[in-house]
Structure formats: structure tokens, C-alpha cells
Amino acid sequence: MKLTVFGATGGIGREIVRQGLASGHEVTAVVRDPARFTVTGERLTVHRADLTAPDTLRPAVAGRDAVLSGLGARSRADAGVAAGLTRSVLTAMDAEGVRRLLVVSAAPLGPTPDGQTVFDRTVLAIVNSVLKGVYDDLRAMERDLAASATDWTSVRPPKLTDGPLTGRYRSVVGGNPPRGRSLARADVAHAMLAMVDDPATVKQGVGLAY
């Protein structure tokens, strides 16, 4: 497949690029600063672009089978980044007639699963309060996805870690795995690549966790 990855210098985006190349895909990594991007490969194209300017993104998405985005806030101060930059991606995709889009959101945006413990509910309430701005940003992003013409999937992991790729995790289309507390960025990337051609995940939020 021909894939384009946004947020390629981030933890999840970099893993999408690495794993995509390892699986034989042609990958275009969209970055602001190529000097910060260290992944190499024969099927890799690095595209420098201003993510706030949709016209600069069009060459990166033209003719692609799917677009995968790891764009999002790295801290509370970055709240607003996910929705704003994803709008640029949506505009570029619409202009080029590209439909398949997978993005990273967060588990708290999905429904509370059955069997959630009191401890998990308490932790979730605290996290929602502390990261309210970040989650409001992701909710705005998901509203934009739902209103778009894309065949989108919003991937919703819990707490992210830098653990190794395992390929062993739970996923729930339209929900969240119960008692799901963490997931490595490498496994988020693995799941996103696996969902690219999975029709069951189109126009759905998908919860992931160990």
C-alpha cells in the first residue's frame, strides 16, 4: 500500500513509519523539520510541509491508499493541536479525493466499559479533570471527523508507554476494553496499520489496551 503518516517525528508516528516500511508499504512521512526525523528506508519519502497550510499537504496525500496520523498534544500546553492540524489534513485529503484516515485519540473519549472497577473510575475522573483541555481538543477533532467525507477511524488507547512491540492487545470497535490501563506506542502503531483495510473499523472509534 501507499501510506502517508502525519506526526511522523512523534512516538506513535515514528513507529507507524518503521513498521509500515518493514511490512513492505511505500510510506511518505510528513514532517516540519526533516533534521528531527531519523528513520530511513528504500520505500520512504520524507515530505517537508507546514501543517497549518493544507495546500502544502496535498502532494503528500495525493494518490495514497490511506493516511495515518499521530498528531496530538504532547502536553496540556499543546491543547488545540489535534483538532487544528487534523482540519488541515482533512482539507488536503478532500481536495485530492483520498478517503481512508486513521487518527490517534484517547480512551476517555469512548464509553465506559462494563466491569470497570471503582479504582479505574476514580483514576479516570482525575485524569479527565487534569487533562480536560487535551480531551476537549480530541473531542473537537472527532466531531470534525464525523462531519467529514473520509472513511475515518479514531483509535483510542489508554496511558501510552514506550514499551516494545508485542502484537498482543485487546481492541473493541465502538467501545473500550475493560480494565485497560496502558498500551505501548509501538502496539498502537501496529493496531493502526492492521485497521487500514478493516471495513469494520470505518467511521468508528476503536478502544485498545493490554
N, C-alpha and C. Protein backbone atom coordinates (compact mmCIF):
# COMPACT_ATOMS: atom_id res chain seq x y z
N MET A 1 0.82 -1.20 0.00
CA MET A 1 0.00 0.00 0.00
C MET A 1 0.86 1.26 0.00
N LYS A 2 0.27 2.35 -0.42
CA LYS A 2 0.91 3.65 -0.34
C LYS A 2 0.30 4.41 0.84
N LEU A 3 1.11 4.68 1.84
CA LEU A 3 0.63 5.28 3.08
C LEU A 3 1.31 6.63 3.32
N THR A 4 0.56 7.55 3.90
CA THR A 4 1.13 8.82 4.36
C THR A 4 0.96 8.91 5.86
N VAL A 5 2.01 9.34 6.55
CA VAL A 5 1.99 9.42 8.01
C VAL A 5 2.25 10.85 8.45
N PHE A 6 1.30 11.40 9.21
CA PHE A 6 1.48 12.71 9.84
C PHE A 6 1.89 12.51 11.30
N GLY A 7 2.62 13.49 11.82
CA GLY A 7 3.15 13.33 13.17
C GLY A 7 4.25 12.29 13.19
N ALA A 8 5.02 12.20 12.12
CA ALA A 8 5.99 11.11 11.96
C ALA A 8 7.19 11.22 12.90
N THR A 9 7.41 12.39 13.50
CA THR A 9 8.52 12.52 14.44
C THR A 9 8.10 12.17 15.87
N GLY A 10 6.81 11.95 16.09
CA GLY A 10 6.33 11.56 17.41
C GLY A 10 6.47 10.08 17.65
N GLY A 11 6.21 9.65 18.88
CA GLY A 11 6.41 8.25 19.25
C GLY A 11 5.58 7.28 18.44
N ILE A 12 4.29 7.56 18.27
CA ILE A 12 3.43 6.65 17.51
C ILE A 12 3.69 6.78 16.02
N GLY A 13 3.81 8.02 15.53
CA GLY A 13 4.05 8.23 14.11
C GLY A 13 5.32 7.57 13.63
N ARG A 14 6.38 7.69 14.41
CA ARG A 14 7.66 7.08 14.04
C ARG A 14 7.51 5.56 13.95
N GLU A 15 6.76 4.97 14.87
CA GLU A 15 6.54 3.53 14.85
C GLU A 15 5.69 3.11 13.65
N ILE A 16 4.72 3.93 13.28
CA ILE A 16 3.93 3.61 12.09
C ILE A 16 4.83 3.56 10.86
N VAL A 17 5.73 4.54 10.75
CA VAL A 17 6.65 4.57 9.62
C VAL A 17 7.53 3.33 9.61
N ARG A 18 8.15 3.03 10.74
CA ARG A 18 9.07 1.89 10.83
C ARG A 18 8.35 0.58 10.50
N GLN A 19 7.22 0.36 11.14
CA GLN A 19 6.51 -0.89 10.92
C GLN A 19 5.91 -0.97 9.52
N GLY A 20 5.47 0.17 8.99
CA GLY A 20 4.94 0.19 7.63
C GLY A 20 6.00 -0.18 6.62
N LEU A 21 7.19 0.37 6.78
CA LEU A 21 8.28 0.02 5.88
C LEU A 21 8.66 -1.45 6.00
N ALA A 22 8.70 -1.94 7.25
CA ALA A 22 9.05 -3.34 7.48
C ALA A 22 8.04 -4.29 6.85
N SER A 23 6.80 -3.83 6.71
CA SER A 23 5.75 -4.66 6.10
C SER A 23 5.70 -4.52 4.59
N GLY A 24 6.59 -3.70 4.02
CA GLY A 24 6.66 -3.58 2.58
C GLY A 24 5.84 -2.46 1.97
N HIS A 25 5.26 -1.60 2.81
CA HIS A 25 4.48 -0.48 2.29
C HIS A 25 5.39 0.64 1.78
N GLU A 26 4.86 1.45 0.86
CA GLU A 26 5.50 2.71 0.48
C GLU A 26 4.99 3.78 1.44
N VAL A 27 5.90 4.45 2.13
CA VAL A 27 5.50 5.38 3.19
C VAL A 27 6.02 6.78 2.91
N THR A 28 5.13 7.74 3.01
CA THR A 28 5.51 9.15 2.97
C THR A 28 5.36 9.71 4.38
N ALA A 29 6.44 10.20 4.95
CA ALA A 29 6.42 10.79 6.30
C ALA A 29 6.39 12.31 6.16
N VAL A 30 5.35 12.92 6.71
CA VAL A 30 5.21 14.37 6.65
C VAL A 30 5.75 14.98 7.93
N VAL A 31 6.73 15.88 7.79
CA VAL A 31 7.40 16.46 8.95
C VAL A 31 7.59 17.95 8.76
N ARG A 32 7.72 18.67 9.87
CA ARG A 32 8.06 20.09 9.79
C ARG A 32 9.56 20.25 9.59
N ASP A 33 10.33 19.43 10.30
CA ASP A 33 11.78 19.56 10.30
C ASP A 33 12.42 18.21 9.99
N PRO A 34 12.85 17.97 8.76
CA PRO A 34 13.45 16.67 8.40
C PRO A 34 14.67 16.32 9.24
N ALA A 35 15.35 17.32 9.81
CA ALA A 35 16.54 17.04 10.62
C ALA A 35 16.18 16.25 11.89
N ARG A 36 14.92 16.34 12.31
CA ARG A 36 14.48 15.62 13.51
C ARG A 36 14.03 14.20 13.21
N PHE A 37 14.00 13.84 11.94
CA PHE A 37 13.46 12.55 11.54
C PHE A 37 14.61 11.63 11.13
N THR A 38 14.78 10.55 11.85
CA THR A 38 15.96 9.70 11.66
C THR A 38 15.67 8.36 10.99
N VAL A 39 14.41 8.06 10.72
CA VAL A 39 14.07 6.78 10.09
C VAL A 39 14.49 6.82 8.62
N THR A 40 15.03 5.70 8.14
CA THR A 40 15.42 5.60 6.73
C THR A 40 14.84 4.33 6.12
N GLY A 41 14.76 4.29 4.80
CA GLY A 41 14.28 3.09 4.13
C GLY A 41 14.12 3.34 2.64
N GLU A 42 14.22 2.27 1.86
CA GLU A 42 14.15 2.39 0.41
C GLU A 42 12.78 2.86 -0.06
N ARG A 43 11.73 2.50 0.65
CA ARG A 43 10.37 2.86 0.23
C ARG A 43 9.87 4.11 0.96
N LEU A 44 10.77 4.85 1.59
CA LEU A 44 10.40 6.01 2.38
C LEU A 44 10.62 7.31 1.61
N THR A 45 9.62 8.19 1.66
CA THR A 45 9.73 9.56 1.17
C THR A 45 9.46 10.50 2.33
N VAL A 46 10.33 11.45 2.55
CA VAL A 46 10.14 12.45 3.60
C VAL A 46 9.66 13.75 2.96
N HIS A 47 8.50 14.20 3.38
CA HIS A 47 7.87 15.39 2.80
C HIS A 47 7.83 16.50 3.84
N ARG A 48 8.53 17.57 3.57
CA ARG A 48 8.53 18.71 4.48
C ARG A 48 7.33 19.59 4.17
N ALA A 49 6.58 19.97 5.21
CA ALA A 49 5.37 20.76 4.97
C ALA A 49 5.02 21.59 6.20
N ASP A 50 4.28 22.65 5.95
CA ASP A 50 3.68 23.46 7.01
C ASP A 50 2.31 22.87 7.30
N LEU A 51 2.17 22.25 8.45
CA LEU A 51 0.93 21.53 8.75
C LEU A 51 -0.28 22.44 8.91
N THR A 52 -0.06 23.73 9.01
CA THR A 52 -1.18 24.66 9.11
C THR A 52 -1.65 25.12 7.73
N ALA A 53 -0.95 24.71 6.69
CA ALA A 53 -1.28 25.13 5.32
C ALA A 53 -1.67 23.92 4.49
N PRO A 54 -2.97 23.66 4.31
CA PRO A 54 -3.41 22.44 3.61
C PRO A 54 -2.83 22.27 2.22
N ASP A 55 -2.59 23.37 1.50
CA ASP A 55 -2.07 23.23 0.14
C ASP A 55 -0.69 22.57 0.11
N THR A 56 0.10 22.77 1.18
CA THR A 56 1.43 22.15 1.22
C THR A 56 1.34 20.66 1.54
N LEU A 57 0.17 20.21 1.99
CA LEU A 57 -0.02 18.80 2.34
C LEU A 57 -0.56 17.98 1.18
N ARG A 58 -1.14 18.66 0.20
CA ARG A 58 -1.80 17.92 -0.89
C ARG A 58 -0.85 16.97 -1.64
N PRO A 59 0.38 17.39 -1.96
CA PRO A 59 1.27 16.44 -2.65
C PRO A 59 1.58 15.19 -1.83
N ALA A 60 1.52 15.33 -0.50
CA ALA A 60 1.85 14.20 0.36
C ALA A 60 0.73 13.18 0.43
N VAL A 61 -0.51 13.60 0.19
CA VAL A 61 -1.64 12.67 0.29
C VAL A 61 -2.17 12.23 -1.06
N ALA A 62 -1.78 12.92 -2.12
CA ALA A 62 -2.31 12.59 -3.45
C ALA A 62 -1.97 11.15 -3.84
N GLY A 63 -2.98 10.41 -4.26
CA GLY A 63 -2.77 9.05 -4.74
C GLY A 63 -2.46 8.02 -3.67
N ARG A 64 -2.68 8.36 -2.41
CA ARG A 64 -2.36 7.43 -1.33
C ARG A 64 -3.55 6.52 -1.03
N ASP A 65 -3.26 5.32 -0.56
CA ASP A 65 -4.32 4.39 -0.16
C ASP A 65 -4.89 4.74 1.20
N ALA A 66 -4.05 5.32 2.07
CA ALA A 66 -4.52 5.67 3.41
C ALA A 66 -3.60 6.70 4.02
N VAL A 67 -4.16 7.46 4.94
CA VAL A 67 -3.41 8.44 5.72
C VAL A 67 -3.54 8.06 7.19
N LEU A 68 -2.41 8.02 7.89
CA LEU A 68 -2.41 7.69 9.32
C LEU A 68 -1.79 8.87 10.07
N SER A 69 -2.44 9.29 11.14
CA SER A 69 -1.99 10.48 11.85
C SER A 69 -1.72 10.19 13.32
N GLY A 70 -0.52 10.57 13.74
CA GLY A 70 -0.17 10.53 15.16
C GLY A 70 -0.17 11.92 15.76
N LEU A 71 -0.80 12.89 15.08
CA LEU A 71 -0.81 14.27 15.56
C LEU A 71 -1.60 14.38 16.86
N GLY A 72 -1.08 15.18 17.78
CA GLY A 72 -1.77 15.39 19.04
C GLY A 72 -0.91 16.16 20.01
N ALA A 73 -1.53 16.57 21.09
CA ALA A 73 -0.83 17.36 22.11
C ALA A 73 0.18 16.50 22.85
N ARG A 74 1.37 17.04 23.06
CA ARG A 74 2.38 16.35 23.85
C ARG A 74 2.35 16.79 25.31
N SER A 75 1.61 17.86 25.58
CA SER A 75 1.44 18.36 26.94
C SER A 75 0.15 19.16 27.00
N ARG A 76 -0.29 19.53 28.20
CA ARG A 76 -1.51 20.31 28.33
C ARG A 76 -1.40 21.64 27.60
N ALA A 77 -0.20 22.17 27.50
CA ALA A 77 0.01 23.46 26.82
C ALA A 77 -0.27 23.37 25.32
N ASP A 78 -0.25 22.15 24.78
CA ASP A 78 -0.47 21.97 23.34
C ASP A 78 -1.94 21.74 22.99
N ALA A 79 -2.83 21.84 23.94
CA ALA A 79 -4.26 21.60 23.67
C ALA A 79 -4.71 22.48 22.51
N GLY A 80 -5.40 21.87 21.56
CA GLY A 80 -5.85 22.55 20.35
C GLY A 80 -5.11 22.07 19.12
N VAL A 81 -3.97 21.42 19.33
CA VAL A 81 -3.15 20.97 18.20
C VAL A 81 -3.84 19.89 17.39
N ALA A 82 -4.43 18.92 18.04
CA ALA A 82 -5.01 17.78 17.33
C ALA A 82 -6.11 18.22 16.37
N ALA A 83 -7.07 18.99 16.87
CA ALA A 83 -8.18 19.41 16.02
C ALA A 83 -7.71 20.35 14.92
N GLY A 84 -6.88 21.32 15.27
CA GLY A 84 -6.43 22.29 14.28
C GLY A 84 -5.65 21.66 13.14
N LEU A 85 -4.68 20.82 13.45
CA LEU A 85 -3.86 20.23 12.42
C LEU A 85 -4.62 19.15 11.63
N THR A 86 -5.52 18.45 12.30
CA THR A 86 -6.30 17.44 11.60
C THR A 86 -7.23 18.09 10.58
N ARG A 87 -7.71 19.29 10.87
CA ARG A 87 -8.53 20.01 9.88
C ARG A 87 -7.73 20.26 8.60
N SER A 88 -6.45 20.59 8.75
CA SER A 88 -5.61 20.78 7.57
C SER A 88 -5.48 19.49 6.77
N VAL A 89 -5.31 18.38 7.49
CA VAL A 89 -5.21 17.08 6.82
C VAL A 89 -6.51 16.75 6.09
N LEU A 90 -7.63 16.98 6.74
CA LEU A 90 -8.93 16.70 6.12
C LEU A 90 -9.14 17.55 4.86
N THR A 91 -8.73 18.80 4.93
CA THR A 91 -8.88 19.69 3.77
C THR A 91 -8.04 19.19 2.60
N ALA A 92 -6.80 18.80 2.88
CA ALA A 92 -5.92 18.28 1.83
C ALA A 92 -6.45 16.98 1.24
N MET A 93 -6.93 16.08 2.10
CA MET A 93 -7.48 14.81 1.62
C MET A 93 -8.71 15.04 0.76
N ASP A 94 -9.58 15.93 1.19
CA ASP A 94 -10.79 16.21 0.41
C ASP A 94 -10.43 16.75 -0.97
N ALA A 95 -9.44 17.63 -1.02
CA ALA A 95 -9.02 18.21 -2.30
C ALA A 95 -8.45 17.16 -3.25
N GLU A 96 -7.83 16.11 -2.69
CA GLU A 96 -7.20 15.08 -3.51
C GLU A 96 -8.06 13.82 -3.65
N GLY A 97 -9.23 13.82 -3.03
CA GLY A 97 -10.12 12.67 -3.17
C GLY A 97 -9.64 11.42 -2.46
N VAL A 98 -8.87 11.60 -1.38
CA VAL A 98 -8.37 10.46 -0.58
C VAL A 98 -9.30 10.27 0.61
N ARG A 99 -9.71 9.05 0.87
CA ARG A 99 -10.78 8.83 1.85
C ARG A 99 -10.35 8.17 3.16
N ARG A 100 -9.40 7.26 3.15
CA ARG A 100 -9.11 6.47 4.35
C ARG A 100 -8.19 7.25 5.28
N LEU A 101 -8.64 7.45 6.52
CA LEU A 101 -7.89 8.20 7.52
C LEU A 101 -8.00 7.53 8.88
N LEU A 102 -6.85 7.32 9.52
CA LEU A 102 -6.83 6.79 10.88
C LEU A 102 -6.07 7.79 11.76
N VAL A 103 -6.65 8.10 12.92
CA VAL A 103 -6.04 9.08 13.82
C VAL A 103 -5.94 8.49 15.23
N VAL A 104 -5.11 9.13 16.04
CA VAL A 104 -4.97 8.74 17.44
C VAL A 104 -5.80 9.67 18.31
N SER A 105 -6.68 9.11 19.11
CA SER A 105 -7.45 9.86 20.08
C SER A 105 -7.09 9.35 21.48
N ALA A 106 -8.06 9.12 22.34
CA ALA A 106 -7.76 8.65 23.70
C ALA A 106 -8.93 7.89 24.28
N ALA A 107 -8.63 6.92 25.14
CA ALA A 107 -9.65 6.05 25.72
C ALA A 107 -10.78 6.79 26.42
N PRO A 108 -10.51 7.89 27.16
CA PRO A 108 -11.60 8.58 27.85
C PRO A 108 -12.70 9.12 26.94
N LEU A 109 -12.45 9.20 25.63
CA LEU A 109 -13.49 9.66 24.73
C LEU A 109 -14.47 8.55 24.37
N GLY A 110 -14.12 7.33 24.67
CA GLY A 110 -15.01 6.21 24.40
C GLY A 110 -15.92 5.94 25.59
N PRO A 111 -16.90 5.05 25.42
CA PRO A 111 -17.81 4.71 26.51
C PRO A 111 -17.09 3.95 27.62
N THR A 112 -17.59 4.09 28.84
CA THR A 112 -17.04 3.35 29.97
C THR A 112 -17.44 1.88 29.85
N PRO A 113 -16.49 0.97 29.83
CA PRO A 113 -16.83 -0.44 29.64
C PRO A 113 -17.48 -1.05 30.88
N ASP A 114 -18.27 -2.09 30.65
CA ASP A 114 -18.82 -2.84 31.77
C ASP A 114 -17.68 -3.48 32.55
N GLY A 115 -17.85 -3.60 33.85
CA GLY A 115 -16.85 -4.24 34.68
C GLY A 115 -15.75 -3.33 35.14
N GLN A 116 -15.89 -2.02 34.87
CA GLN A 116 -14.87 -1.08 35.32
C GLN A 116 -14.88 -0.99 36.84
N THR A 117 -13.72 -1.09 37.46
CA THR A 117 -13.65 -1.07 38.92
C THR A 117 -13.80 0.36 39.45
N VAL A 118 -14.08 0.46 40.75
CA VAL A 118 -14.17 1.78 41.38
C VAL A 118 -12.84 2.52 41.25
N PHE A 119 -11.74 1.78 41.40
CA PHE A 119 -10.42 2.39 41.27
C PHE A 119 -10.24 2.98 39.87
N ASP A 120 -10.59 2.21 38.84
CA ASP A 120 -10.44 2.69 37.48
C ASP A 120 -11.32 3.91 37.23
N ARG A 121 -12.54 3.91 37.76
CA ARG A 121 -13.42 5.06 37.58
C ARG A 121 -12.87 6.30 38.27
N THR A 122 -12.28 6.09 39.44
CA THR A 122 -11.70 7.23 40.17
C THR A 122 -10.51 7.81 39.44
N VAL A 123 -9.64 6.93 38.95
CA VAL A 123 -8.48 7.39 38.19
C VAL A 123 -8.92 8.12 36.93
N LEU A 124 -9.93 7.60 36.25
CA LEU A 124 -10.41 8.22 35.03
C LEU A 124 -10.96 9.61 35.30
N ALA A 125 -11.70 9.76 36.40
CA ALA A 125 -12.25 11.07 36.74
C ALA A 125 -11.14 12.09 37.00
N ILE A 126 -10.08 11.65 37.67
CA ILE A 126 -8.95 12.54 37.95
C ILE A 126 -8.25 12.93 36.65
N VAL A 127 -8.00 11.94 35.80
CA VAL A 127 -7.32 12.20 34.53
C VAL A 127 -8.15 13.15 33.66
N ASN A 128 -9.47 12.92 33.62
CA ASN A 128 -10.34 13.78 32.83
C ASN A 128 -10.28 15.23 33.30
N SER A 129 -10.18 15.40 34.60
CA SER A 129 -10.11 16.75 35.16
C SER A 129 -8.78 17.43 34.83
N VAL A 130 -7.69 16.69 35.02
CA VAL A 130 -6.36 17.27 34.79
C VAL A 130 -6.12 17.57 33.31
N LEU A 131 -6.60 16.69 32.44
CA LEU A 131 -6.34 16.82 31.00
C LEU A 131 -7.56 17.29 30.23
N LYS A 132 -8.43 18.05 30.88
CA LYS A 132 -9.68 18.47 30.25
C LYS A 132 -9.44 19.17 28.90
N GLY A 133 -8.46 20.08 28.84
CA GLY A 133 -8.19 20.80 27.61
C GLY A 133 -7.76 19.88 26.48
N VAL A 134 -6.93 18.90 26.81
CA VAL A 134 -6.46 17.95 25.80
C VAL A 134 -7.61 17.11 25.27
N TYR A 135 -8.47 16.64 26.17
CA TYR A 135 -9.60 15.81 25.73
C TYR A 135 -10.65 16.62 24.99
N ASP A 136 -10.86 17.88 25.37
CA ASP A 136 -11.77 18.74 24.62
C ASP A 136 -11.27 18.92 23.18
N ASP A 137 -9.96 19.04 23.04
CA ASP A 137 -9.33 19.14 21.72
C ASP A 137 -9.60 17.88 20.90
N LEU A 138 -9.44 16.71 21.51
CA LEU A 138 -9.69 15.46 20.80
C LEU A 138 -11.18 15.29 20.46
N ARG A 139 -12.06 15.76 21.34
CA ARG A 139 -13.50 15.70 21.03
C ARG A 139 -13.81 16.56 19.82
N ALA A 140 -13.19 17.74 19.75
CA ALA A 140 -13.40 18.59 18.58
C ALA A 140 -12.88 17.91 17.32
N MET A 141 -11.73 17.24 17.43
CA MET A 141 -11.19 16.50 16.30
C MET A 141 -12.16 15.41 15.85
N GLU A 142 -12.71 14.66 16.79
CA GLU A 142 -13.62 13.58 16.42
C GLU A 142 -14.92 14.12 15.81
N ARG A 143 -15.37 15.29 16.27
CA ARG A 143 -16.56 15.89 15.64
C ARG A 143 -16.27 16.25 14.19
N ASP A 144 -15.08 16.79 13.94
CA ASP A 144 -14.69 17.11 12.57
C ASP A 144 -14.61 15.86 11.70
N LEU A 145 -14.09 14.78 12.26
CA LEU A 145 -14.04 13.53 11.51
C LEU A 145 -15.44 13.07 11.13
N ALA A 146 -16.34 13.09 12.10
CA ALA A 146 -17.70 12.61 11.85
C ALA A 146 -18.42 13.44 10.79
N ALA A 147 -18.05 14.71 10.69
CA ALA A 147 -18.68 15.59 9.70
C ALA A 147 -18.00 15.56 8.35
N SER A 148 -16.89 14.83 8.25
CA SER A 148 -16.10 14.82 7.01
C SER A 148 -16.57 13.73 6.06
N ALA A 149 -16.02 13.77 4.84
CA ALA A 149 -16.34 12.75 3.83
C ALA A 149 -15.39 11.56 3.91
N THR A 150 -14.48 11.55 4.89
CA THR A 150 -13.48 10.49 4.95
C THR A 150 -14.04 9.21 5.57
N ASP A 151 -13.39 8.11 5.25
CA ASP A 151 -13.64 6.83 5.92
C ASP A 151 -12.67 6.76 7.10
N TRP A 152 -13.05 7.39 8.18
CA TRP A 152 -12.14 7.59 9.31
C TRP A 152 -12.25 6.48 10.34
N THR A 153 -11.18 6.35 11.12
CA THR A 153 -11.16 5.52 12.32
C THR A 153 -10.42 6.31 13.40
N SER A 154 -11.01 6.40 14.57
CA SER A 154 -10.37 7.07 15.70
C SER A 154 -9.91 6.01 16.69
N VAL A 155 -8.60 5.88 16.82
CA VAL A 155 -8.01 4.85 17.69
C VAL A 155 -7.82 5.45 19.08
N ARG A 156 -8.35 4.76 20.11
CA ARG A 156 -8.42 5.34 21.45
C ARG A 156 -7.65 4.48 22.46
N PRO A 157 -6.35 4.71 22.59
CA PRO A 157 -5.57 3.97 23.58
C PRO A 157 -5.67 4.62 24.96
N PRO A 158 -5.35 3.87 26.01
CA PRO A 158 -5.24 4.43 27.36
C PRO A 158 -3.86 5.06 27.55
N LYS A 159 -3.31 5.01 28.75
CA LYS A 159 -1.98 5.59 29.01
C LYS A 159 -0.95 4.96 28.08
N LEU A 160 -0.15 5.82 27.42
CA LEU A 160 0.85 5.36 26.47
C LEU A 160 2.19 5.12 27.16
N THR A 161 2.87 4.07 26.71
CA THR A 161 4.20 3.77 27.24
C THR A 161 5.18 3.59 26.07
N ASP A 162 6.45 3.50 26.40
CA ASP A 162 7.48 3.27 25.39
C ASP A 162 7.93 1.82 25.37
N GLY A 163 7.06 0.93 25.74
CA GLY A 163 7.39 -0.49 25.75
C GLY A 163 7.58 -1.04 24.35
N PRO A 164 8.07 -2.28 24.25
CA PRO A 164 8.32 -2.90 22.94
C PRO A 164 7.03 -3.35 22.26
N LEU A 165 7.13 -3.56 20.96
CA LEU A 165 6.02 -4.12 20.20
C LEU A 165 5.75 -5.54 20.65
N THR A 166 4.49 -5.84 20.98
CA THR A 166 4.11 -7.19 21.36
C THR A 166 3.12 -7.82 20.38
N GLY A 167 2.27 -6.99 19.78
CA GLY A 167 1.21 -7.50 18.93
C GLY A 167 0.11 -8.19 19.70
N ARG A 168 0.18 -8.11 21.03
CA ARG A 168 -0.82 -8.77 21.88
C ARG A 168 -1.55 -7.70 22.68
N TYR A 169 -2.73 -7.36 22.24
CA TYR A 169 -3.53 -6.33 22.90
C TYR A 169 -4.99 -6.59 22.56
N ARG A 170 -5.86 -5.96 23.30
CA ARG A 170 -7.30 -6.11 23.06
C ARG A 170 -7.81 -4.89 22.29
N SER A 171 -8.82 -5.10 21.47
CA SER A 171 -9.46 -3.99 20.77
C SER A 171 -10.97 -4.17 20.80
N VAL A 172 -11.67 -3.06 20.91
CA VAL A 172 -13.14 -3.08 20.92
C VAL A 172 -13.63 -1.98 19.98
N VAL A 173 -14.30 -2.38 18.91
CA VAL A 173 -14.87 -1.41 17.98
C VAL A 173 -16.10 -0.78 18.63
N GLY A 174 -16.10 0.53 18.74
CA GLY A 174 -17.22 1.24 19.35
C GLY A 174 -17.19 1.27 20.86
N GLY A 175 -16.10 0.80 21.47
CA GLY A 175 -16.03 0.77 22.93
C GLY A 175 -14.60 0.76 23.41
N ASN A 176 -14.43 0.38 24.68
CA ASN A 176 -13.11 0.28 25.29
C ASN A 176 -12.96 -1.07 25.99
N PRO A 177 -11.79 -1.69 25.96
CA PRO A 177 -11.59 -2.92 26.72
C PRO A 177 -11.70 -2.64 28.22
N PRO A 178 -12.38 -3.49 28.97
CA PRO A 178 -12.45 -3.28 30.42
C PRO A 178 -11.08 -3.42 31.08
N ARG A 179 -10.88 -2.60 32.09
CA ARG A 179 -9.64 -2.63 32.88
C ARG A 179 -8.40 -2.42 32.01
N GLY A 180 -8.57 -1.64 30.96
CA GLY A 180 -7.43 -1.32 30.09
C GLY A 180 -6.72 -0.09 30.59
N ARG A 181 -5.49 -0.25 31.02
CA ARG A 181 -4.79 0.86 31.67
C ARG A 181 -3.59 1.39 30.90
N SER A 182 -3.03 0.63 29.98
CA SER A 182 -1.85 1.10 29.26
C SER A 182 -1.69 0.37 27.94
N LEU A 183 -0.86 0.97 27.08
CA LEU A 183 -0.52 0.34 25.81
C LEU A 183 0.73 1.02 25.27
N ALA A 184 1.65 0.23 24.74
CA ALA A 184 2.87 0.79 24.16
C ALA A 184 2.55 1.48 22.84
N ARG A 185 3.27 2.57 22.59
CA ARG A 185 3.10 3.29 21.34
C ARG A 185 3.34 2.38 20.14
N ALA A 186 4.28 1.46 20.28
CA ALA A 186 4.56 0.53 19.18
C ALA A 186 3.35 -0.34 18.87
N ASP A 187 2.59 -0.73 19.89
CA ASP A 187 1.41 -1.55 19.65
C ASP A 187 0.25 -0.72 19.12
N VAL A 188 0.18 0.56 19.47
CA VAL A 188 -0.82 1.44 18.86
C VAL A 188 -0.57 1.52 17.36
N ALA A 189 0.69 1.71 16.98
CA ALA A 189 1.05 1.77 15.57
C ALA A 189 0.70 0.46 14.87
N HIS A 190 1.00 -0.66 15.50
CA HIS A 190 0.70 -1.98 14.94
C HIS A 190 -0.80 -2.12 14.68
N ALA A 191 -1.60 -1.70 15.64
CA ALA A 191 -3.05 -1.79 15.51
C ALA A 191 -3.56 -0.91 14.38
N MET A 192 -3.02 0.31 14.28
CA MET A 192 -3.47 1.22 13.23
C MET A 192 -3.18 0.66 11.85
N LEU A 193 -2.01 0.09 11.67
CA LEU A 193 -1.67 -0.49 10.37
C LEU A 193 -2.58 -1.67 10.05
N ALA A 194 -2.93 -2.44 11.07
CA ALA A 194 -3.81 -3.59 10.86
C ALA A 194 -5.23 -3.16 10.50
N MET A 195 -5.63 -1.97 10.94
CA MET A 195 -7.00 -1.48 10.70
C MET A 195 -7.17 -0.80 9.34
N VAL A 196 -6.07 -0.51 8.67
CA VAL A 196 -6.16 0.26 7.43
C VAL A 196 -7.18 -0.33 6.46
N ASP A 197 -7.16 -1.64 6.27
CA ASP A 197 -8.07 -2.27 5.32
C ASP A 197 -9.15 -3.11 6.01
N ASP A 198 -9.48 -2.74 7.25
CA ASP A 198 -10.52 -3.44 8.00
C ASP A 198 -11.82 -2.64 7.94
N PRO A 199 -12.80 -3.07 7.14
CA PRO A 199 -14.04 -2.29 6.99
C PRO A 199 -14.83 -2.15 8.28
N ALA A 200 -14.63 -3.06 9.22
CA ALA A 200 -15.38 -3.00 10.48
C ALA A 200 -15.01 -1.78 11.32
N THR A 201 -13.85 -1.18 11.04
CA THR A 201 -13.40 -0.04 11.83
C THR A 201 -13.71 1.31 11.18
N VAL A 202 -14.30 1.29 10.00
CA VAL A 202 -14.58 2.55 9.29
C VAL A 202 -15.69 3.32 9.98
N LYS A 203 -15.44 4.62 10.19
CA LYS A 203 -16.36 5.54 10.87
C LYS A 203 -16.68 5.05 12.28
N GLN A 204 -15.63 4.55 12.96
CA GLN A 204 -15.77 4.02 14.31
C GLN A 204 -14.62 4.50 15.20
N GLY A 205 -14.92 4.61 16.48
CA GLY A 205 -13.87 4.70 17.48
C GLY A 205 -13.50 3.30 17.91
N VAL A 206 -12.21 3.05 18.09
CA VAL A 206 -11.75 1.71 18.46
C VAL A 206 -10.88 1.82 19.71
N GLY A 207 -11.32 1.21 20.80
CA GLY A 207 -10.55 1.21 22.03
C GLY A 207 -9.51 0.12 22.00
N LEU A 208 -8.33 0.44 22.53
CA LEU A 208 -7.21 -0.51 22.58
C LEU A 208 -6.65 -0.56 23.98
N ALA A 209 -6.13 -1.70 24.38
CA ALA A 209 -5.44 -1.82 25.67
C ALA A 209 -4.88 -3.23 25.79
N TYR A 210 -3.92 -3.40 26.71
CA TYR A 210 -3.42 -4.74 27.04
C TYR A 210 -4.47 -5.46 27.86
